[in-house]
Amino acid sequence: MNNTVPKTMKAAVMHSTREINIETIPVPQIGDDEVLIKVMAVGICGSDLHYYTHGRIGNYIVEKPFILGHECSGEVAAVGSSVNRFNVGDRVAVEPGVTCGHCEACKEGRYNLCPDVQFLATPPVDGAFVQYIKIRQDFVFSIPDSLSFEDAALIEPFSVGIHAAMRTKLQPGSTIAIMGMGPVGLMAVAAAKAFGAGTIIVTDLEPLRLEAARKMGATHVINIREQDPLNEIKTITNGRGVDVAWETAGNPKALQTALASLLRGGKLAIVGLPAQNEIPLNVPFIADNEIDIYGIFRYANTYPKGIQFLASGIIDTKHLVTDKFTLEDTREAMERALNFKNESLKIIVYPNGSTRVGDNQTDEMKVHN
């Protein structure tokens, strides 16, 4: 390990729901094929909030002191003896799910379905609200100097939209409806724009998020508090319906609306996970119209595309990061993400202080006390 790497580091450790303490723990020791990364930016995700408030997601249960955070980027601090793709000081994005590489799913290229995936901040695997993490080199990606650490962290939620676009075979010029403009939904708008969708219709109930969606590339925004989304979509498409619909919020009503908004032969992607397991869907409509339904579980083979898209400048992400916190204030960051959805879009935690001069979007750190 490089001599400049300390032996201990700070970590934001969750001991119970809504309780996070800053502790000193050992810096991880890397294996031959692993990279040690000095974490520069970590985005707060909906799954982080779910673990923070409920202590579990489905069968994944927090049973010990636990570290959240998986949307991350940073600098290479040390490399294992067999690592040949990276050098100390390289700026990188981190794909947070390390898979086995030899099961049926991995060999088919659908490694997001690997049964043995080790995913950051998914129990029992600790996450990235720490100063250093280790990860296998094939899940680390170099980023150009023009790409900020914030944007590099956004590649993780962006990847979900890219995966949905690939699964639903989104074509240039096509018409799409995206339900729910949380951070994943907003990055889904970016993905739809990057893939060349001609008409991008979005729905939400928060004006801040709808305005952000417009800046990300939405051509039409629908506030579901004020308008009936299905009627609006039919009006926008002259009664035709959309080619593709993605539901990103995990809202049963939104999923039903997304399905109903499709034209004959349309494609539906289920991105968001609802609280309940079963939701009534119009089966005759699905059968009569030959609707294709796609489940979306994370992503696979998306990071190179994500880096290329964001580095190209085709997508305006500058307004997405609304709040910035130090590692010491991780609990405050989580509380803000939980309680101020009408004011905040993407919240970034900086485990090693604010990013270096020259990265855009990193003026002064905004700390909310």
Protein backbone atom coordinates (compact mmCIF):
# COMPACT_ATOMS: atom_id res chain seq x y z
CA MET A 1 0.00 0.00 0.00
CA ASN A 2 1.21 3.51 -0.75
CA ASN A 3 3.03 5.07 2.21
CA THR A 4 0.96 8.25 1.96
CA VAL A 5 -2.24 6.36 2.83
CA PRO A 6 -3.11 6.59 6.53
CA LYS A 7 -3.81 3.52 8.65
CA THR A 8 -7.14 4.84 9.96
CA MET A 9 -9.98 6.91 8.51
CA LYS A 10 -13.25 8.57 9.44
CA ALA A 11 -16.54 6.82 8.71
CA ALA A 12 -20.21 7.74 9.16
CA VAL A 13 -21.60 4.66 10.91
CA MET A 14 -25.33 3.97 11.35
CA HIS A 15 -26.03 2.22 14.67
CA SER A 16 -29.81 2.29 14.50
CA THR A 17 -32.48 4.00 12.43
CA ARG A 18 -31.83 7.75 12.13
CA GLU A 19 -28.68 7.50 14.24
CA ILE A 20 -25.29 8.05 12.57
CA ASN A 21 -22.01 8.57 14.44
CA ILE A 22 -18.61 9.59 13.09
CA GLU A 23 -16.05 6.96 14.04
CA THR A 24 -12.43 6.09 13.34
CA ILE A 25 -11.92 2.72 11.65
CA PRO A 26 -9.02 1.03 9.82
CA VAL A 27 -8.37 1.90 6.18
CA PRO A 28 -9.16 -1.30 4.21
CA GLN A 29 -6.27 -3.50 3.03
CA ILE A 30 -6.43 -4.14 -0.71
CA GLY A 31 -5.98 -7.43 -2.52
CA ASP A 32 -3.86 -8.01 -5.62
CA ASP A 33 -6.67 -7.08 -8.04
CA GLU A 34 -8.17 -4.25 -5.98
CA VAL A 35 -7.88 -0.47 -5.98
CA LEU A 36 -7.97 1.76 -2.91
CA ILE A 37 -9.96 4.91 -3.62
CA LYS A 38 -9.92 8.16 -1.72
CA VAL A 39 -13.62 9.01 -1.79
CA MET A 40 -14.26 12.55 -2.98
CA ALA A 41 -18.04 12.67 -3.52
CA VAL A 42 -20.97 10.46 -2.50
CA GLY A 43 -24.58 11.06 -3.52
CA ILE A 44 -27.47 10.22 -1.20
CA CYS A 45 -29.86 7.73 -2.81
CA GLY A 46 -33.41 6.65 -2.03
CA SER A 47 -32.16 3.26 -0.84
CA ASP A 48 -29.85 5.00 1.64
CA LEU A 49 -32.86 6.85 3.03
CA HIS A 50 -34.86 3.64 3.25
CA TYR A 51 -32.18 1.86 5.29
CA TYR A 52 -31.75 5.01 7.39
CA THR A 53 -35.44 5.19 8.30
CA HIS A 54 -36.54 1.54 8.25
CA GLY A 55 -33.36 -0.48 8.74
CA ARG A 56 -34.22 -2.82 5.90
CA ILE A 57 -35.27 -3.17 2.26
CA GLY A 58 -37.09 -6.45 1.69
CA ASN A 59 -34.81 -9.28 2.74
CA TYR A 60 -31.80 -6.99 3.19
CA ILE A 61 -31.74 -6.15 6.89
CA VAL A 62 -29.27 -3.98 8.80
CA GLU A 63 -28.14 -6.22 11.66
CA LYS A 64 -24.88 -4.55 12.72
CA PRO A 65 -23.34 -1.07 12.71
CA PHE A 66 -23.57 -0.17 9.06
CA ILE A 67 -22.15 2.37 6.57
CA LEU A 68 -24.44 3.80 3.88
CA GLY A 69 -23.65 5.41 0.51
CA HIS A 70 -22.99 3.84 -2.90
CA GLU A 71 -23.04 6.64 -5.51
CA CYS A 72 -19.37 7.57 -5.37
CA SER A 73 -16.25 8.80 -7.10
CA GLY A 74 -12.71 9.69 -6.07
CA GLU A 75 -8.99 9.37 -6.64
CA VAL A 76 -6.89 6.21 -6.74
CA ALA A 77 -4.82 6.13 -3.53
CA ALA A 78 -3.16 2.70 -3.96
CA VAL A 79 -3.26 -0.25 -6.36
CA GLY A 80 -2.84 -3.99 -5.87
CA SER A 81 0.08 -5.89 -7.33
CA SER A 82 -1.86 -7.21 -10.33
CA VAL A 83 -3.68 -3.94 -11.15
CA ASN A 84 -2.58 -2.67 -14.56
CA ARG A 85 -5.30 -0.19 -15.51
CA PHE A 86 -4.79 2.50 -12.89
CA ASN A 87 -2.12 4.61 -11.23
CA VAL A 88 -2.13 6.51 -7.98
CA GLY A 89 -3.81 9.88 -8.52
CA ASP A 90 -6.18 8.75 -11.30
CA ARG A 91 -9.66 10.28 -11.08
CA VAL A 92 -12.32 7.56 -11.18
CA ALA A 93 -15.99 6.66 -10.96
CA VAL A 94 -16.93 3.56 -8.97
CA GLU A 95 -19.52 1.01 -10.04
CA PRO A 96 -20.71 -0.19 -6.63
CA GLY A 97 -21.76 -3.81 -7.37
CA VAL A 98 -18.90 -6.31 -7.59
CA THR A 99 -20.08 -9.57 -9.16
CA CYS A 100 -18.60 -13.07 -9.25
CA GLY A 101 -17.81 -13.03 -12.99
CA HIS A 102 -18.38 -16.75 -13.58
CA CYS A 103 -22.06 -17.52 -12.94
CA GLU A 104 -24.61 -17.90 -15.77
CA ALA A 105 -25.84 -14.31 -15.45
CA CYS A 106 -22.32 -12.88 -15.47
CA LYS A 107 -21.32 -14.93 -18.50
CA GLU A 108 -24.41 -13.74 -20.38
CA GLY A 109 -23.43 -10.13 -19.72
CA ARG A 110 -26.38 -9.63 -17.36
CA TYR A 111 -24.15 -9.42 -14.32
CA ASN A 112 -26.66 -7.23 -12.46
CA LEU A 113 -28.52 -10.52 -11.89
CA CYS A 114 -25.48 -12.23 -10.31
CA PRO A 115 -26.69 -13.98 -7.13
CA ASP A 116 -23.38 -13.29 -5.37
CA VAL A 117 -23.07 -9.56 -6.03
CA GLN A 118 -21.37 -7.52 -3.30
CA PHE A 119 -23.08 -4.13 -3.54
CA LEU A 120 -21.93 -1.13 -1.54
CA ALA A 121 -24.38 -0.13 1.22
CA THR A 122 -26.47 -3.27 0.79
CA PRO A 123 -26.28 -5.35 4.00
CA PRO A 124 -23.93 -6.84 5.00
CA VAL A 125 -21.60 -4.86 2.66
CA ASP A 126 -20.61 -1.43 4.01
CA GLY A 127 -20.85 1.61 1.77
CA ALA A 128 -18.97 4.77 0.83
CA PHE A 129 -19.62 7.30 3.61
CA VAL A 130 -15.95 6.79 4.48
CA GLN A 131 -12.66 8.40 3.46
CA TYR A 132 -11.36 5.30 1.63
CA ILE A 133 -12.96 2.27 -0.01
CA LYS A 134 -11.49 -0.71 -1.80
CA ILE A 135 -13.00 -2.26 -4.91
CA ARG A 136 -11.99 -4.72 -7.61
CA GLN A 137 -10.33 -2.96 -10.54
CA ASP A 138 -12.87 -4.03 -13.17
CA PHE A 139 -15.55 -1.96 -11.37
CA VAL A 140 -13.46 1.22 -11.47
CA PHE A 141 -13.59 3.62 -14.45
CA SER A 142 -11.29 6.50 -15.33
CA ILE A 143 -12.98 9.85 -15.83
CA PRO A 144 -11.71 12.82 -17.87
CA ASP A 145 -10.46 15.92 -16.05
CA SER A 146 -13.44 17.82 -17.46
CA LEU A 147 -15.88 15.64 -15.48
CA SER A 148 -16.49 16.75 -11.88
CA PHE A 149 -16.51 14.30 -9.00
CA GLU A 150 -20.19 15.16 -8.51
CA ASP A 151 -21.04 14.16 -12.08
CA ALA A 152 -18.96 11.01 -11.69
CA ALA A 153 -21.04 10.08 -8.63
CA LEU A 154 -24.23 10.75 -10.65
CA ILE A 155 -23.24 8.06 -13.15
CA GLU A 156 -24.66 5.49 -10.73
CA PRO A 157 -28.28 6.75 -10.83
CA PHE A 158 -27.77 7.75 -14.49
CA SER A 159 -26.93 4.10 -15.20
CA VAL A 160 -30.42 3.03 -14.15
CA GLY A 161 -31.90 5.22 -16.90
CA ILE A 162 -29.35 4.02 -19.44
CA HIS A 163 -30.21 0.42 -18.57
CA ALA A 164 -33.94 1.16 -18.92
CA ALA A 165 -33.28 2.77 -22.31
CA MET A 166 -31.36 -0.27 -23.49
CA ARG A 167 -33.91 -2.74 -22.12
CA THR A 168 -36.86 -0.94 -23.73
CA LYS A 169 -34.90 -0.35 -26.97
CA LEU A 170 -35.53 3.40 -26.84
CA GLN A 171 -35.16 4.78 -30.36
CA PRO A 172 -34.18 8.28 -31.58
CA GLY A 173 -37.27 10.39 -32.16
CA SER A 174 -39.52 8.22 -30.01
CA THR A 175 -42.07 9.47 -27.48
CA ILE A 176 -41.59 8.58 -23.80
CA ALA A 177 -43.40 9.24 -20.53
CA ILE A 178 -41.41 9.09 -17.27
CA MET A 179 -43.35 9.00 -14.00
CA GLY A 180 -41.65 10.41 -10.90
CA MET A 181 -38.92 13.05 -10.87
CA GLY A 182 -36.80 12.04 -7.93
CA PRO A 183 -33.04 11.82 -8.55
CA VAL A 184 -33.39 8.52 -10.46
CA GLY A 185 -36.27 9.94 -12.51
CA LEU A 186 -34.30 13.09 -13.34
CA MET A 187 -31.33 11.05 -14.50
CA ALA A 188 -33.77 8.90 -16.49
CA VAL A 189 -34.79 12.08 -18.33
CA ALA A 190 -31.10 12.65 -19.06
CA ALA A 191 -30.83 9.08 -20.39
CA ALA A 192 -33.90 9.51 -22.62
CA LYS A 193 -32.39 12.72 -24.02
CA ALA A 194 -29.01 11.06 -24.55
CA PHE A 195 -30.68 8.22 -26.48
CA GLY A 196 -32.40 10.75 -28.74
CA ALA A 197 -36.04 10.60 -27.60
CA GLY A 198 -38.02 13.27 -29.45
CA THR A 199 -40.82 13.89 -26.95
CA ILE A 200 -40.09 13.44 -23.22
CA ILE A 201 -43.16 13.82 -20.99
CA VAL A 202 -42.67 13.76 -17.22
CA THR A 203 -44.94 13.74 -14.20
CA ASP A 204 -44.43 14.70 -10.55
CA LEU A 205 -46.08 16.78 -7.85
CA GLU A 206 -43.11 18.97 -6.84
CA PRO A 207 -42.58 22.13 -8.94
CA LEU A 208 -38.83 22.12 -8.14
CA ARG A 209 -38.44 18.67 -9.63
CA LEU A 210 -40.56 19.42 -12.68
CA GLU A 211 -38.47 22.51 -13.40
CA ALA A 212 -35.29 20.45 -13.01
CA ALA A 213 -36.71 17.87 -15.41
CA ARG A 214 -37.30 20.59 -17.99
CA LYS A 215 -33.65 21.66 -17.66
CA MET A 216 -32.57 18.03 -18.04
CA GLY A 217 -34.40 17.73 -21.36
CA ALA A 218 -38.12 17.11 -20.70
CA THR A 219 -40.26 18.60 -23.44
CA HIS A 220 -43.50 18.49 -21.41
CA VAL A 221 -44.02 18.53 -17.63
CA ILE A 222 -47.24 17.54 -15.86
CA ASN A 223 -47.96 18.48 -12.24
CA ILE A 224 -50.22 15.66 -11.08
CA ARG A 225 -51.64 17.88 -8.32
CA GLU A 226 -53.13 20.15 -10.97
CA GLN A 227 -53.67 17.97 -14.05
CA ASP A 228 -54.80 14.48 -14.89
CA PRO A 229 -51.60 12.88 -16.26
CA LEU A 230 -53.27 10.37 -18.58
CA ASN A 231 -55.49 13.00 -20.19
CA GLU A 232 -52.49 15.31 -20.62
CA ILE A 233 -50.37 12.57 -22.20
CA LYS A 234 -53.17 11.69 -24.62
CA THR A 235 -53.55 15.37 -25.53
CA ILE A 236 -49.81 15.85 -26.08
CA THR A 237 -49.65 12.77 -28.31
CA ASN A 238 -52.88 13.58 -30.20
CA GLY A 239 -54.57 10.54 -28.68
CA ARG A 240 -51.86 8.17 -29.87
CA GLY A 241 -50.13 7.43 -26.58
CA VAL A 242 -46.39 7.07 -25.96
CA ASP A 243 -44.00 4.52 -27.41
CA VAL A 244 -42.32 3.90 -24.07
CA ALA A 245 -43.18 4.59 -20.42
CA TRP A 246 -40.91 4.31 -17.37
CA GLU A 247 -42.23 4.37 -13.80
CA THR A 248 -39.41 5.44 -11.47
CA ALA A 249 -41.14 6.39 -8.22
CA GLY A 250 -42.55 3.06 -7.03
CA ASN A 251 -46.05 4.53 -6.95
CA PRO A 252 -48.91 2.09 -7.79
CA LYS A 253 -51.15 4.77 -9.33
CA ALA A 254 -48.23 6.07 -11.42
CA LEU A 255 -47.52 2.54 -12.67
CA GLN A 256 -51.13 2.09 -13.74
CA THR A 257 -51.05 5.48 -15.49
CA ALA A 258 -47.76 4.60 -17.21
CA LEU A 259 -49.31 1.41 -18.58
CA ALA A 260 -52.48 3.19 -19.75
CA SER A 261 -50.44 5.89 -21.50
CA LEU A 262 -48.87 3.45 -23.97
CA LEU A 263 -49.83 3.05 -27.60
CA ARG A 264 -50.47 -0.40 -29.05
CA GLY A 265 -47.25 -2.39 -28.99
CA GLY A 266 -45.69 -0.01 -26.44
CA LYS A 267 -43.06 -0.82 -23.82
CA LEU A 268 -43.30 -0.36 -20.05
CA ALA A 269 -40.29 -0.34 -17.72
CA ILE A 270 -40.79 -0.83 -13.99
CA VAL A 271 -37.91 1.03 -12.36
CA GLY A 272 -39.28 2.09 -8.97
CA LEU A 273 -40.11 -0.43 -6.26
CA PRO A 274 -43.48 0.01 -4.53
CA ALA A 275 -44.02 -0.69 -0.84
CA GLN A 276 -46.41 -3.56 -1.62
CA ASN A 277 -45.64 -6.68 -3.64
CA GLU A 278 -48.81 -6.79 -5.74
CA ILE A 279 -50.42 -4.03 -7.79
CA PRO A 280 -53.54 -4.48 -9.98
CA LEU A 281 -52.73 -3.99 -13.67
CA ASN A 282 -55.10 -4.05 -16.64
CA VAL A 283 -54.33 -7.49 -18.07
CA PRO A 284 -56.73 -7.28 -21.07
CA PHE A 285 -55.05 -3.99 -22.04
CA ILE A 286 -51.62 -5.65 -21.81
CA ALA A 287 -52.71 -8.64 -23.90
CA ASP A 288 -54.87 -6.80 -26.45
CA ASN A 289 -52.17 -4.24 -27.13
CA GLU A 290 -49.17 -6.58 -26.93
CA ILE A 291 -47.50 -4.45 -24.29
CA ASP A 292 -43.92 -5.42 -23.42
CA ILE A 293 -43.13 -5.11 -19.71
CA TYR A 294 -39.54 -4.89 -18.49
CA GLY A 295 -38.28 -5.19 -14.94
CA ILE A 296 -35.28 -2.96 -14.27
CA PHE A 297 -32.81 -4.13 -11.62
CA ARG A 298 -29.88 -1.76 -11.29
CA TYR A 299 -27.84 -1.89 -14.54
CA ALA A 300 -25.09 -3.68 -16.44
CA ASN A 301 -22.44 -2.43 -18.88
CA THR A 302 -23.54 1.20 -18.51
CA TYR A 303 -20.62 3.08 -16.95
CA PRO A 304 -18.60 3.73 -20.13
CA LYS A 305 -21.73 5.14 -21.80
CA GLY A 306 -22.58 7.22 -18.74
CA ILE A 307 -19.12 8.75 -18.58
CA GLN A 308 -19.20 9.48 -22.31
CA PHE A 309 -22.66 11.08 -22.17
CA LEU A 310 -21.91 13.31 -19.15
CA ALA A 311 -18.46 14.30 -20.38
CA SER A 312 -19.92 15.32 -23.75
CA GLY A 313 -21.87 18.17 -22.16
CA ILE A 314 -25.11 17.08 -23.85
CA ILE A 315 -26.82 17.01 -20.45
CA ASP A 316 -26.99 19.96 -18.05
CA THR A 317 -26.42 18.62 -14.54
CA LYS A 318 -25.19 21.81 -12.86
CA HIS A 319 -28.48 22.54 -11.11
CA LEU A 320 -28.95 18.98 -9.83
CA VAL A 321 -26.62 19.19 -6.81
CA THR A 322 -28.56 21.39 -4.41
CA ASP A 323 -26.85 20.59 -1.10
CA LYS A 324 -23.30 19.76 -0.01
CA PHE A 325 -22.22 18.32 3.34
CA THR A 326 -19.02 17.22 5.03
CA LEU A 327 -18.68 13.64 6.27
CA GLU A 328 -19.09 14.89 9.84
CA ASP A 329 -22.56 16.15 8.91
CA THR A 330 -23.77 12.96 7.18
CA ARG A 331 -26.70 12.59 9.58
CA GLU A 332 -27.83 16.16 8.82
CA ALA A 333 -27.48 15.39 5.11
CA MET A 334 -29.72 12.34 5.47
CA GLU A 335 -32.32 14.29 7.45
CA ARG A 336 -32.38 17.02 4.81
CA ALA A 337 -32.85 14.46 2.04
CA LEU A 338 -35.65 12.90 4.05
CA ASN A 339 -37.55 16.03 5.03
CA PHE A 340 -36.95 18.63 2.29
CA LYS A 341 -37.88 16.93 -0.97
CA ASN A 342 -39.55 20.18 -2.03
CA GLU A 343 -36.23 22.05 -1.74
CA SER A 344 -33.51 19.50 -2.46
CA LEU A 345 -32.68 17.40 -5.51
CA LYS A 346 -29.31 15.64 -5.15
CA ILE A 347 -27.37 15.90 -1.91
CA ILE A 348 -23.63 15.21 -1.99
CA VAL A 349 -21.41 14.25 0.96
CA TYR A 350 -17.66 14.96 0.72
CA PRO A 351 -15.71 12.44 2.87
CA ASN A 352 -12.39 14.20 2.26
CA GLY A 353 -13.60 17.80 2.14
CA SER A 354 -14.77 19.78 -0.87
CA THR A 355 -13.43 18.70 -4.25
CA ARG A 356 -10.40 20.38 -5.70
CA VAL A 357 -10.38 23.67 -7.57
CA GLY A 358 -11.19 23.21 -11.22
CA ASP A 359 -14.12 20.85 -10.74
CA ASN A 360 -17.29 22.67 -11.69
CA GLN A 361 -20.24 22.72 -9.28
CA THR A 362 -17.98 22.93 -6.22
CA ASP A 363 -18.02 26.48 -5.07
CA GLU A 364 -18.62 26.76 -1.34
CA MET A 365 -19.70 23.82 0.73
CA LYS A 366 -23.24 24.40 1.92
CA VAL A 367 -23.70 22.90 5.36
CA HIS A 368 -27.16 22.98 6.90
CA ASN A 369 -27.23 22.94 10.69
